[in-house]
Amino acid sequence: MTNAPSAAVADTTSIDMDAVNQSAAPVKDALTGFAETMTATLESLLPQSDGPESKLFEAMRYSALGSGKFLRPYIVRTAALMFDVPEERYLRAGAAVEMVHTYSLIHDDLPAMDDDDMRRGQPSCHIAFDEATAILAGDSLLTLSFEVLAGIKTHPDPQVRSDLVLTLAARSGGAGMVGGQMIDLESEHTAVDAALIARLETMKTGALISYSSAAGAILGQAGADAIKTLETFGFELGLAFQITDDLLDVEGDEDDVGKKVGKDAEAGKATFVSALGVAGARDEARRVTDSALARLDMFGARADELRSVAEFVLARNN
């Protein structure tokens, strides 16, 4: 299993945003349609109850079915289609990563973490419910994700299901997303260099996107080389995503972003913007995206839609 690649910072040329936006436009439209499909899939997988635990399930559904972009499951879907994976299988693998992502957002928003009152344009889970319920909702979404992956409907081959569980577990834990969050918290109000920022952002965001791109190849039983290549592509794409997120916190519109902006500087967070400035961070996002795109050369035209996803990540405004 691939570890997060090291991310060096290099000088690049300025970004041609008109060209980027033109390349990304089809993905933005496709994501809108896919959101309906993904919402229906999550709706069918998330528990409901009128029993004493019903508040927990309501909080899970509130957070997971809120107006998310569903980019991670869309990447699962796009990579899976390269290998002719049936729809039900990639939707379940996509739902699993969306559950993990939602759990991470619920916990990140807590007062003990990033202390955000808004998420996806609505009150954060702990504001809409309470802190204890939010913690439990996150816990439940995390465990449900592995239940979904382990189910036979995800793939008839138990080895494939095991590989999906192993990959998502590795990307979610201390060596991946959770570890990145720890570095993020420890780096607040501390002078850190761009290499450490790249490490924390690759782990915090890149790890789940790495799972998302690799899951398509795992589902399609595409072989070790394809899986490794798509894992590395995902790590780099995730880093580009997080750098863009850093830029949106400085330049973004609060209504578009769906949460308060300007919080990174207020909290003293280490970001590429704090290390390189706005122009330097934007150029670094382009460099990392180009590196990710180069990984797809081995797949030829089959990867064209995945290439468009990478350009969309660079051009997004929320």
C-alpha atoms as a PDB file:
ATOM      1  CA  MET A   1       0.000   0.000   0.000  1.00  0.00           C
ATOM      2  CA  THR A   2       1.338   3.370  -1.023  1.00  0.00           C
ATOM      3  CA  ASN A   3       2.379   5.893   1.597  1.00  0.00           C
ATOM      4  CA  ALA A   4       1.756   9.598   1.112  1.00  0.00           C
ATOM      5  CA  PRO A   5       4.307  10.955  -1.366  1.00  0.00           C
ATOM      6  CA  SER A   6       6.589  13.724  -0.273  1.00  0.00           C
ATOM      7  CA  ALA A   7       5.515  17.077  -1.669  1.00  0.00           C
ATOM      8  CA  ALA A   8       8.321  19.454  -2.550  1.00  0.00           C
ATOM      9  CA  VAL A   9       7.622  23.060  -3.344  1.00  0.00           C
ATOM     10  CA  ALA A  10       8.802  24.359  -6.686  1.00  0.00           C
ATOM     11  CA  ASP A  11       8.473  27.482  -8.788  1.00  0.00           C
ATOM     12  CA  THR A  12       5.869  27.321 -11.553  1.00  0.00           C
ATOM     13  CA  THR A  13       4.310  29.554 -14.129  1.00  0.00           C
ATOM     14  CA  SER A  14       1.099  31.433 -13.424  1.00  0.00           C
ATOM     15  CA  ILE A  15      -2.218  29.615 -13.795  1.00  0.00           C
ATOM     16  CA  ASP A  16      -4.367  30.242 -16.898  1.00  0.00           C
ATOM     17  CA  MET A  17      -7.683  30.240 -14.994  1.00  0.00           C
ATOM     18  CA  ASP A  18      -9.794  30.614 -18.147  1.00  0.00           C
ATOM     19  CA  ALA A  19      -8.385  27.361 -19.490  1.00  0.00           C
ATOM     20  CA  VAL A  20      -8.785  25.673 -16.114  1.00  0.00           C
ATOM     21  CA  ASN A  21     -12.416  26.770 -15.800  1.00  0.00           C
ATOM     22  CA  GLN A  22     -13.227  25.558 -19.304  1.00  0.00           C
ATOM     23  CA  SER A  23     -11.752  22.128 -18.570  1.00  0.00           C
ATOM     24  CA  ALA A  24     -13.529  21.895 -15.207  1.00  0.00           C
ATOM     25  CA  ALA A  25     -17.014  22.980 -16.332  1.00  0.00           C
ATOM     26  CA  PRO A  26     -18.281  19.496 -17.358  1.00  0.00           C
ATOM     27  CA  VAL A  27     -17.393  18.088 -13.927  1.00  0.00           C
ATOM     28  CA  LYS A  28     -19.330  20.818 -12.124  1.00  0.00           C
ATOM     29  CA  ASP A  29     -22.432  19.902 -14.136  1.00  0.00           C
ATOM     30  CA  ALA A  30     -21.889  16.169 -13.672  1.00  0.00           C
ATOM     31  CA  LEU A  31     -21.468  16.571  -9.911  1.00  0.00           C
ATOM     32  CA  THR A  32     -24.890  18.203  -9.701  1.00  0.00           C
ATOM     33  CA  GLY A  33     -26.539  15.168 -11.256  1.00  0.00           C
ATOM     34  CA  PHE A  34     -24.399  12.709  -9.321  1.00  0.00           C
ATOM     35  CA  ALA A  35     -25.358  14.375  -6.037  1.00  0.00           C
ATOM     36  CA  GLU A  36     -28.931  13.131  -6.486  1.00  0.00           C
ATOM     37  CA  THR A  37     -27.731   9.561  -7.016  1.00  0.00           C
ATOM     38  CA  MET A  38     -25.327   9.703  -4.089  1.00  0.00           C
ATOM     39  CA  THR A  39     -27.939  11.224  -1.798  1.00  0.00           C
ATOM     40  CA  ALA A  40     -30.351   8.401  -2.663  1.00  0.00           C
ATOM     41  CA  THR A  41     -27.626   5.829  -1.948  1.00  0.00           C
ATOM     42  CA  LEU A  42     -26.803   7.359   1.433  1.00  0.00           C
ATOM     43  CA  GLU A  43     -30.504   7.667   2.216  1.00  0.00           C
ATOM     44  CA  SER A  44     -30.886   3.921   1.731  1.00  0.00           C
ATOM     45  CA  LEU A  45     -27.816   3.070   3.850  1.00  0.00           C
ATOM     46  CA  LEU A  46     -28.258   5.449   6.785  1.00  0.00           C
ATOM     47  CA  PRO A  47     -30.315   4.028   9.657  1.00  0.00           C
ATOM     48  CA  GLN A  48     -33.642   5.396  10.825  1.00  0.00           C
ATOM     49  CA  SER A  49     -35.421   4.647  14.078  1.00  0.00           C
ATOM     50  CA  ASP A  50     -38.206   5.981  16.245  1.00  0.00           C
ATOM     51  CA  GLY A  51     -36.641   4.325  19.304  1.00  0.00           C
ATOM     52  CA  PRO A  52     -34.637   5.943  22.079  1.00  0.00           C
ATOM     53  CA  GLU A  53     -31.558   6.154  19.834  1.00  0.00           C
ATOM     54  CA  SER A  54     -33.439   8.085  17.133  1.00  0.00           C
ATOM     55  CA  LYS A  55     -31.673  11.377  17.923  1.00  0.00           C
ATOM     56  CA  LEU A  56     -28.347   9.771  16.988  1.00  0.00           C
ATOM     57  CA  PHE A  57     -29.646   8.612  13.624  1.00  0.00           C
ATOM     58  CA  GLU A  58     -31.245  11.988  12.968  1.00  0.00           C
ATOM     59  CA  ALA A  59     -27.883  13.685  13.572  1.00  0.00           C
ATOM     60  CA  MET A  60     -26.108  11.229  11.244  1.00  0.00           C
ATOM     61  CA  ARG A  61     -28.597  11.884   8.473  1.00  0.00           C
ATOM     62  CA  TYR A  62     -28.583  15.632   9.071  1.00  0.00           C
ATOM     63  CA  SER A  63     -24.830  15.779   8.489  1.00  0.00           C
ATOM     64  CA  ALA A  64     -24.443  13.184   5.740  1.00  0.00           C
ATOM     65  CA  LEU A  65     -27.430  14.275   3.662  1.00  0.00           C
ATOM     66  CA  GLY A  66     -26.690  17.997   3.944  1.00  0.00           C
ATOM     67  CA  SER A  67     -25.695  19.777   0.753  1.00  0.00           C
ATOM     68  CA  GLY A  68     -22.267  18.220   0.300  1.00  0.00           C
ATOM     69  CA  LYS A  69     -20.383  18.249  -3.007  1.00  0.00           C
ATOM     70  CA  PHE A  70     -19.811  14.467  -2.914  1.00  0.00           C
ATOM     71  CA  LEU A  71     -16.465  14.941  -4.639  1.00  0.00           C
ATOM     72  CA  ARG A  72     -14.853  11.904  -3.002  1.00  0.00           C
ATOM     73  CA  PRO A  73     -17.570   9.446  -4.052  1.00  0.00           C
ATOM     74  CA  TYR A  74     -17.553  11.060  -7.495  1.00  0.00           C
ATOM     75  CA  ILE A  75     -13.842  10.277  -7.755  1.00  0.00           C
ATOM     76  CA  VAL A  76     -14.603   6.667  -6.731  1.00  0.00           C
ATOM     77  CA  ARG A  77     -17.215   6.540  -9.479  1.00  0.00           C
ATOM     78  CA  THR A  78     -14.968   8.129 -12.116  1.00  0.00           C
ATOM     79  CA  ALA A  79     -12.021   5.844 -11.405  1.00  0.00           C
ATOM     80  CA  ALA A  80     -14.307   2.798 -11.246  1.00  0.00           C
ATOM     81  CA  LEU A  81     -15.777   3.509 -14.663  1.00  0.00           C
ATOM     82  CA  MET A  82     -12.259   3.239 -16.105  1.00  0.00           C
ATOM     83  CA  PHE A  83     -12.469  -0.459 -15.207  1.00  0.00           C
ATOM     84  CA  ASP A  84     -16.162  -1.103 -16.018  1.00  0.00           C
ATOM     85  CA  VAL A  85     -17.247  -1.482 -12.380  1.00  0.00           C
ATOM     86  CA  PRO A  86     -21.038  -1.884 -11.915  1.00  0.00           C
ATOM     87  CA  GLU A  87     -22.887   1.093 -10.466  1.00  0.00           C
ATOM     88  CA  GLU A  88     -24.061  -0.467  -7.194  1.00  0.00           C
ATOM     89  CA  ARG A  89     -20.506  -1.418  -6.257  1.00  0.00           C
ATOM     90  CA  TYR A  90     -18.944   1.989  -6.796  1.00  0.00           C
ATOM     91  CA  LEU A  91     -21.866   3.756  -5.149  1.00  0.00           C
ATOM     92  CA  ARG A  92     -21.395   1.706  -1.982  1.00  0.00           C
ATOM     93  CA  ALA A  93     -17.629   2.322  -1.964  1.00  0.00           C
ATOM     94  CA  GLY A  94     -18.339   5.997  -2.540  1.00  0.00           C
ATOM     95  CA  ALA A  95     -20.918   6.123   0.240  1.00  0.00           C
ATOM     96  CA  ALA A  96     -18.381   4.626   2.626  1.00  0.00           C
ATOM     97  CA  VAL A  97     -15.795   7.350   2.019  1.00  0.00           C
ATOM     98  CA  GLU A  98     -18.469  10.037   2.238  1.00  0.00           C
ATOM     99  CA  MET A  99     -19.456   8.686   5.666  1.00  0.00           C
ATOM    100  CA  VAL A 100     -15.843   8.876   6.837  1.00  0.00           C
ATOM    101  CA  HIS A 101     -15.481  12.366   5.399  1.00  0.00           C
ATOM    102  CA  THR A 102     -18.685  13.512   7.109  1.00  0.00           C
ATOM    103  CA  TYR A 103     -17.562  12.043  10.430  1.00  0.00           C
ATOM    104  CA  SER A 104     -14.314  13.991  10.130  1.00  0.00           C
ATOM    105  CA  LEU A 105     -16.193  17.233   9.472  1.00  0.00           C
ATOM    106  CA  ILE A 106     -18.492  16.692  12.455  1.00  0.00           C
ATOM    107  CA  HIS A 107     -15.522  16.183  14.757  1.00  0.00           C
ATOM    108  CA  ASP A 108     -13.404  18.949  13.171  1.00  0.00           C
ATOM    109  CA  ASP A 109     -16.198  21.445  13.845  1.00  0.00           C
ATOM    110  CA  LEU A 110     -16.318  20.688  17.574  1.00  0.00           C
ATOM    111  CA  PRO A 111     -15.161  23.391  20.030  1.00  0.00           C
ATOM    112  CA  ALA A 112     -12.177  21.220  21.011  1.00  0.00           C
ATOM    113  CA  MET A 113     -11.004  21.187  17.388  1.00  0.00           C
ATOM    114  CA  ASP A 114     -11.666  23.947  14.836  1.00  0.00           C
ATOM    115  CA  ASP A 115     -14.752  25.331  16.616  1.00  0.00           C
ATOM    116  CA  ASP A 116     -16.866  26.030  13.526  1.00  0.00           C
ATOM    117  CA  ASP A 117     -20.556  26.867  13.873  1.00  0.00           C
ATOM    118  CA  MET A 118     -21.389  26.457  10.175  1.00  0.00           C
ATOM    119  CA  ARG A 119     -20.838  23.586   7.777  1.00  0.00           C
ATOM    120  CA  ARG A 120     -22.156  23.205   4.227  1.00  0.00           C
ATOM    121  CA  GLY A 121     -24.257  26.296   4.654  1.00  0.00           C
ATOM    122  CA  GLN A 122     -26.107  25.069   7.735  1.00  0.00           C
ATOM    123  CA  PRO A 123     -25.405  24.908  11.484  1.00  0.00           C
ATOM    124  CA  SER A 124     -22.715  22.375  12.376  1.00  0.00           C
ATOM    125  CA  CYS A 125     -23.896  19.116  13.914  1.00  0.00           C
ATOM    126  CA  HIS A 126     -22.987  20.106  17.479  1.00  0.00           C
ATOM    127  CA  ILE A 127     -24.914  23.371  17.060  1.00  0.00           C
ATOM    128  CA  ALA A 128     -27.988  21.723  15.534  1.00  0.00           C
ATOM    129  CA  PHE A 129     -27.966  18.999  18.211  1.00  0.00           C
ATOM    130  CA  ASP A 130     -25.340  19.057  20.984  1.00  0.00           C
ATOM    131  CA  GLU A 131     -21.690  18.136  21.420  1.00  0.00           C
ATOM    132  CA  ALA A 132     -22.269  14.635  22.793  1.00  0.00           C
ATOM    133  CA  THR A 133     -24.680  13.759  19.997  1.00  0.00           C
ATOM    134  CA  ALA A 134     -22.254  15.131  17.412  1.00  0.00           C
ATOM    135  CA  ILE A 135     -19.417  12.960  18.752  1.00  0.00           C
ATOM    136  CA  LEU A 136     -21.612   9.875  18.670  1.00  0.00           C
ATOM    137  CA  ALA A 137     -22.928  10.683  15.189  1.00  0.00           C
ATOM    138  CA  GLY A 138     -19.344  10.903  13.918  1.00  0.00           C
ATOM    139  CA  ASP A 139     -18.426   7.644  15.634  1.00  0.00           C
ATOM    140  CA  SER A 140     -21.432   5.901  14.126  1.00  0.00           C
ATOM    141  CA  LEU A 141     -20.756   7.143  10.600  1.00  0.00           C
ATOM    142  CA  LEU A 142     -17.175   5.909  10.826  1.00  0.00           C
ATOM    143  CA  THR A 143     -18.159   2.409  11.879  1.00  0.00           C
ATOM    144  CA  LEU A 144     -21.049   2.247   9.401  1.00  0.00           C
ATOM    145  CA  SER A 145     -18.632   2.954   6.551  1.00  0.00           C
ATOM    146  CA  PHE A 146     -16.789  -0.311   7.208  1.00  0.00           C
ATOM    147  CA  GLU A 147     -20.051  -2.214   7.577  1.00  0.00           C
ATOM    148  CA  VAL A 148     -21.003  -1.000   4.096  1.00  0.00           C
ATOM    149  CA  LEU A 149     -17.652  -1.967   2.562  1.00  0.00           C
ATOM    150  CA  ALA A 150     -17.741  -5.416   4.174  1.00  0.00           C
ATOM    151  CA  GLY A 151     -21.211  -6.160   2.772  1.00  0.00           C
ATOM    152  CA  ILE A 152     -21.403  -8.638  -0.093  1.00  0.00           C
ATOM    153  CA  LYS A 153     -23.263  -6.126  -2.275  1.00  0.00           C
ATOM    154  CA  THR A 154     -20.067  -4.063  -2.440  1.00  0.00           C
ATOM    155  CA  HIS A 155     -18.266  -6.882  -4.286  1.00  0.00           C
ATOM    156  CA  PRO A 156     -18.747 -10.658  -4.497  1.00  0.00           C
ATOM    157  CA  ASP A 157     -15.015 -11.316  -3.952  1.00  0.00           C
ATOM    158  CA  PRO A 158     -14.162 -11.180  -0.224  1.00  0.00           C
ATOM    159  CA  GLN A 159     -10.551 -10.237  -1.041  1.00  0.00           C
ATOM    160  CA  VAL A 160     -11.747  -7.104  -2.827  1.00  0.00           C
ATOM    161  CA  ARG A 161     -13.942  -6.183   0.132  1.00  0.00           C
ATOM    162  CA  SER A 162     -11.037  -6.790   2.508  1.00  0.00           C
ATOM    163  CA  ASP A 163      -8.724  -4.612   0.384  1.00  0.00           C
ATOM    164  CA  LEU A 164     -11.280  -1.784   0.405  1.00  0.00           C
ATOM    165  CA  VAL A 165     -11.646  -1.985   4.193  1.00  0.00           C
ATOM    166  CA  LEU A 166      -7.872  -2.114   4.685  1.00  0.00           C
ATOM    167  CA  THR A 167      -7.262   0.853   2.385  1.00  0.00           C
ATOM    168  CA  LEU A 168      -9.959   3.056   3.894  1.00  0.00           C
ATOM    169  CA  ALA A 169      -8.882   2.182   7.441  1.00  0.00           C
ATOM    170  CA  ALA A 170      -5.253   3.038   6.679  1.00  0.00           C
ATOM    171  CA  ARG A 171      -6.189   6.320   5.021  1.00  0.00           C
ATOM    172  CA  SER A 172      -8.555   7.353   7.830  1.00  0.00           C
ATOM    173  CA  GLY A 173      -6.375   6.778  10.877  1.00  0.00           C
ATOM    174  CA  GLY A 174      -3.212   8.050  12.509  1.00  0.00           C
ATOM    175  CA  ALA A 175      -1.080   7.539   9.403  1.00  0.00           C
ATOM    176  CA  GLY A 176      -3.641   9.411   7.307  1.00  0.00           C
ATOM    177  CA  MET A 177      -6.509  11.813   7.915  1.00  0.00           C
ATOM    178  CA  VAL A 178      -6.536  11.752  11.730  1.00  0.00           C
ATOM    179  CA  GLY A 179      -2.762  12.106  11.895  1.00  0.00           C
ATOM    180  CA  GLY A 180      -2.974  15.081   9.567  1.00  0.00           C
ATOM    181  CA  GLN A 181      -5.516  16.711  11.846  1.00  0.00           C
ATOM    182  CA  MET A 182      -3.179  16.167  14.805  1.00  0.00           C
ATOM    183  CA  ILE A 183      -0.309  17.880  12.966  1.00  0.00           C
ATOM    184  CA  ASP A 184      -2.704  20.672  12.017  1.00  0.00           C
ATOM    185  CA  LEU A 185      -3.660  21.293  15.632  1.00  0.00           C
ATOM    186  CA  GLU A 186      -0.066  21.100  16.845  1.00  0.00           C
ATOM    187  CA  SER A 187       1.065  23.578  14.170  1.00  0.00           C
ATOM    188  CA  GLU A 188      -1.259  26.392  15.218  1.00  0.00           C
ATOM    189  CA  HIS A 189       0.605  29.619  16.050  1.00  0.00           C
ATOM    190  CA  THR A 190       3.887  27.858  15.251  1.00  0.00           C
ATOM    191  CA  ALA A 191       6.400  28.669  12.525  1.00  0.00           C
ATOM    192  CA  VAL A 192       6.509  25.637  10.203  1.00  0.00           C
ATOM    193  CA  ASP A 193       8.007  25.214   6.752  1.00  0.00           C
ATOM    194  CA  ALA A 194       6.266  24.339   3.510  1.00  0.00           C
ATOM    195  CA  ALA A 195       7.419  20.708   3.674  1.00  0.00           C
ATOM    196  CA  LEU A 196       5.583  20.107   6.960  1.00  0.00           C
ATOM    197  CA  ILE A 197       2.531  21.940   5.651  1.00  0.00           C
ATOM    198  CA  ALA A 198       2.563  19.670   2.596  1.00  0.00           C
ATOM    199  CA  ARG A 199       2.785  16.641   4.885  1.00  0.00           C
ATOM    200  CA  LEU A 200      -0.150  17.651   7.077  1.00  0.00           C
ATOM    201  CA  GLU A 201      -2.331  18.632   4.112  1.00  0.00           C
ATOM    202  CA  THR A 202      -1.478  15.486   2.156  1.00  0.00           C
ATOM    203  CA  MET A 203      -2.456  13.403   5.186  1.00  0.00           C
ATOM    204  CA  LYS A 204      -5.466  15.429   6.278  1.00  0.00           C
ATOM    205  CA  THR A 205      -7.092  15.718   2.862  1.00  0.00           C
ATOM    206  CA  GLY A 206      -5.067  13.678   0.412  1.00  0.00           C
ATOM    207  CA  ALA A 207      -5.470  10.402   2.273  1.00  0.00           C
ATOM    208  CA  LEU A 208      -9.226  10.059   1.704  1.00  0.00           C
ATOM    209  CA  ILE A 209      -8.948  11.242  -1.896  1.00  0.00           C
ATOM    210  CA  SER A 210      -6.207   8.641  -2.376  1.00  0.00           C
ATOM    211  CA  TYR A 211      -8.639   5.972  -1.162  1.00  0.00           C
ATOM    212  CA  SER A 212     -11.289   7.353  -3.497  1.00  0.00           C
ATOM    213  CA  SER A 213      -9.186   7.063  -6.637  1.00  0.00           C
ATOM    214  CA  ALA A 214      -7.660   3.716  -5.647  1.00  0.00           C
ATOM    215  CA  ALA A 215     -11.067   2.220  -4.761  1.00  0.00           C
ATOM    216  CA  GLY A 216     -12.103   2.268  -8.415  1.00  0.00           C
ATOM    217  CA  ALA A 217      -9.086   0.172  -9.373  1.00  0.00           C
ATOM    218  CA  ILE A 218      -9.573  -2.159  -6.388  1.00  0.00           C
ATOM    219  CA  LEU A 219     -13.223  -2.714  -7.332  1.00  0.00           C
ATOM    220  CA  GLY A 220     -12.194  -3.331 -10.938  1.00  0.00           C
ATOM    221  CA  GLN A 221      -9.422  -5.739  -9.885  1.00  0.00           C
ATOM    222  CA  ALA A 222      -7.130  -3.705 -12.109  1.00  0.00           C
ATOM    223  CA  GLY A 223      -3.835  -4.905 -10.621  1.00  0.00           C
ATOM    224  CA  ALA A 224      -1.160  -3.548  -8.313  1.00  0.00           C
ATOM    225  CA  ASP A 225       0.354  -1.045 -10.759  1.00  0.00           C
ATOM    226  CA  ALA A 226      -2.984   0.643 -11.479  1.00  0.00           C
ATOM    227  CA  ILE A 227      -3.923   0.755  -7.803  1.00  0.00           C
ATOM    228  CA  LYS A 228      -0.569   2.215  -6.762  1.00  0.00           C
ATOM    229  CA  THR A 229      -0.666   4.827  -9.539  1.00  0.00           C
ATOM    230  CA  LEU A 230      -4.178   5.949  -8.643  1.00  0.00           C
ATOM    231  CA  GLU A 231      -3.302   6.063  -4.941  1.00  0.00           C
ATOM    232  CA  THR A 232      -0.440   8.445  -5.703  1.00  0.00           C
ATOM    233  CA  PHE A 233      -2.640  10.481  -8.039  1.00  0.00           C
ATOM    234  CA  GLY A 234      -5.159  10.806  -5.208  1.00  0.00           C
ATOM    235  CA  PHE A 235      -2.582  11.961  -2.668  1.00  0.00           C
ATOM    236  CA  GLU A 236      -1.438  14.722  -5.004  1.00  0.00           C
ATOM    237  CA  LEU A 237      -4.961  15.682  -6.013  1.00  0.00           C
ATOM    238  CA  GLY A 238      -5.882  15.872  -2.331  1.00  0.00           C
ATOM    239  CA  LEU A 239      -2.973  18.201  -1.663  1.00  0.00           C
ATOM    240  CA  ALA A 240      -4.118  20.439  -4.522  1.00  0.00           C
ATOM    241  CA  PHE A 241      -7.625  20.355  -3.058  1.00  0.00           C
ATOM    242  CA  GLN A 242      -6.396  21.471   0.359  1.00  0.00           C
ATOM    243  CA  ILE A 243      -4.225  24.248  -1.059  1.00  0.00           C
ATOM    244  CA  THR A 244      -7.293  25.507  -2.917  1.00  0.00           C
ATOM    245  CA  ASP A 245      -9.194  25.295   0.362  1.00  0.00           C
ATOM    246  CA  ASP A 246      -6.507  27.443   1.983  1.00  0.00           C
ATOM    247  CA  LEU A 247      -6.930  29.992  -0.796  1.00  0.00           C
ATOM    248  CA  LEU A 248     -10.722  29.988  -0.433  1.00  0.00           C
ATOM    249  CA  ASP A 249     -10.332  30.783   3.260  1.00  0.00           C
ATOM    250  CA  VAL A 250      -8.536  33.963   2.205  1.00  0.00           C
ATOM    251  CA  GLU A 251     -10.320  34.865  -1.021  1.00  0.00           C
ATOM    252  CA  GLY A 252     -13.586  32.941  -0.953  1.00  0.00           C
ATOM    253  CA  ASP A 253     -17.127  34.176  -0.469  1.00  0.00           C
ATOM    254  CA  GLU A 254     -18.736  32.893   2.723  1.00  0.00           C
ATOM    255  CA  ASP A 255     -22.010  32.090   0.952  1.00  0.00           C
ATOM    256  CA  ASP A 256     -20.197  30.046  -1.696  1.00  0.00           C
ATOM    257  CA  VAL A 257     -17.852  28.305   0.719  1.00  0.00           C
ATOM    258  CA  GLY A 258     -20.666  27.430   3.140  1.00  0.00           C
ATOM    259  CA  LYS A 259     -18.693  28.248   6.272  1.00  0.00           C
ATOM    260  CA  LYS A 260     -16.927  31.182   7.851  1.00  0.00           C
ATOM    261  CA  VAL A 261     -13.848  32.351   5.943  1.00  0.00           C
ATOM    262  CA  GLY A 262     -10.693  33.924   7.349  1.00  0.00           C
ATOM    263  CA  LYS A 263     -10.527  31.389  10.171  1.00  0.00           C
ATOM    264  CA  ASP A 264      -7.129  29.950   9.233  1.00  0.00           C
ATOM    265  CA  ALA A 265      -5.285  33.210   9.883  1.00  0.00           C
ATOM    266  CA  GLU A 266      -7.406  33.909  12.967  1.00  0.00           C
ATOM    267  CA  ALA A 267      -6.513  30.504  14.414  1.00  0.00           C
ATOM    268  CA  GLY A 268      -2.856  30.798  13.423  1.00  0.00           C
ATOM    269  CA  LYS A 269      -3.047  27.723  11.198  1.00  0.00           C
ATOM    270  CA  ALA A 270      -0.128  26.642   9.063  1.00  0.00           C
ATOM    271  CA  THR A 271      -1.195  26.755   5.405  1.00  0.00           C
ATOM    272  CA  PHE A 272       0.453  27.231   2.044  1.00  0.00           C
ATOM    273  CA  VAL A 273      -0.971  30.742   2.003  1.00  0.00           C
ATOM    274  CA  SER A 274       0.728  31.558   5.303  1.00  0.00           C
ATOM    275  CA  ALA A 275       3.984  30.048   4.045  1.00  0.00           C
ATOM    276  CA  LEU A 276       4.051  31.186   0.400  1.00  0.00           C
ATOM    277  CA  GLY A 277       1.473  33.928   0.064  1.00  0.00           C
ATOM    278  CA  VAL A 278      -1.578  33.827  -2.190  1.00  0.00           C
ATOM    279  CA  ALA A 279       0.302  33.818  -5.498  1.00  0.00           C
ATOM    280  CA  GLY A 280       2.803  31.218  -4.310  1.00  0.00           C
ATOM    281  CA  ALA A 281       0.048  28.943  -2.997  1.00  0.00           C
ATOM    282  CA  ARG A 282      -1.850  29.223  -6.260  1.00  0.00           C
ATOM    283  CA  ASP A 283       1.242  28.286  -8.251  1.00  0.00           C
ATOM    284  CA  GLU A 284       1.924  25.370  -5.925  1.00  0.00           C
ATOM    285  CA  ALA A 285      -1.628  24.104  -6.473  1.00  0.00           C
ATOM    286  CA  ARG A 286      -1.000  24.150 -10.223  1.00  0.00           C
ATOM    287  CA  ARG A 287       2.332  22.349  -9.864  1.00  0.00           C
ATOM    288  CA  VAL A 288       0.848  19.591  -7.712  1.00  0.00           C
ATOM    289  CA  THR A 289      -2.116  19.206 -10.073  1.00  0.00           C
ATOM    290  CA  ASP A 290       0.208  18.840 -13.054  1.00  0.00           C
ATOM    291  CA  SER A 291       2.161  16.171 -11.188  1.00  0.00           C
ATOM    292  CA  ALA A 292      -1.077  14.312 -10.451  1.00  0.00           C
ATOM    293  CA  LEU A 293      -2.160  14.553 -14.090  1.00  0.00           C
ATOM    294  CA  ALA A 294       1.128  13.042 -15.239  1.00  0.00           C
ATOM    295  CA  ARG A 295       0.331   9.936 -13.182  1.00  0.00           C
ATOM    296  CA  LEU A 296      -2.620   9.227 -15.485  1.00  0.00           C
ATOM    297  CA  ASP A 297      -0.556   8.887 -18.665  1.00  0.00           C
ATOM    298  CA  MET A 298      -0.498   5.099 -18.345  1.00  0.00           C
ATOM    299  CA  PHE A 299      -4.288   4.967 -18.711  1.00  0.00           C
ATOM    300  CA  GLY A 300      -4.546   6.974 -21.926  1.00  0.00           C
ATOM    301  CA  ALA A 301      -7.984   8.267 -22.939  1.00  0.00           C
ATOM    302  CA  ARG A 302      -9.708   6.132 -20.287  1.00  0.00           C
ATOM    303  CA  ALA A 303      -8.605   8.686 -17.690  1.00  0.00           C
ATOM    304  CA  ASP A 304      -9.899  11.800 -19.487  1.00  0.00           C
ATOM    305  CA  GLU A 305     -12.790  12.277 -17.068  1.00  0.00           C
ATOM    306  CA  LEU A 306     -10.459  11.888 -14.099  1.00  0.00           C
ATOM    307  CA  ARG A 307      -8.216  14.540 -15.644  1.00  0.00           C
ATOM    308  CA  SER A 308     -11.207  16.882 -15.759  1.00  0.00           C
ATOM    309  CA  VAL A 309     -11.822  16.187 -12.064  1.00  0.00           C
ATOM    310  CA  ALA A 310      -8.291  17.371 -11.304  1.00  0.00           C
ATOM    311  CA  GLU A 311      -8.893  20.625 -13.179  1.00  0.00           C
ATOM    312  CA  PHE A 312     -12.203  21.058 -11.359  1.00  0.00           C
ATOM    313  CA  VAL A 313     -10.426  20.781  -8.005  1.00  0.00           C
ATOM    314  CA  LEU A 314      -8.108  23.590  -9.051  1.00  0.00           C
ATOM    315  CA  ALA A 315     -10.955  25.837 -10.262  1.00  0.00           C
ATOM    316  CA  ARG A 316     -13.578  25.298  -7.550  1.00  0.00           C
ATOM    317  CA  ASN A 317     -14.997  28.183  -5.519  1.00  0.00           C
ATOM    318  CA  ASN A 318     -16.493  26.166  -2.658  1.00  0.00           C
END
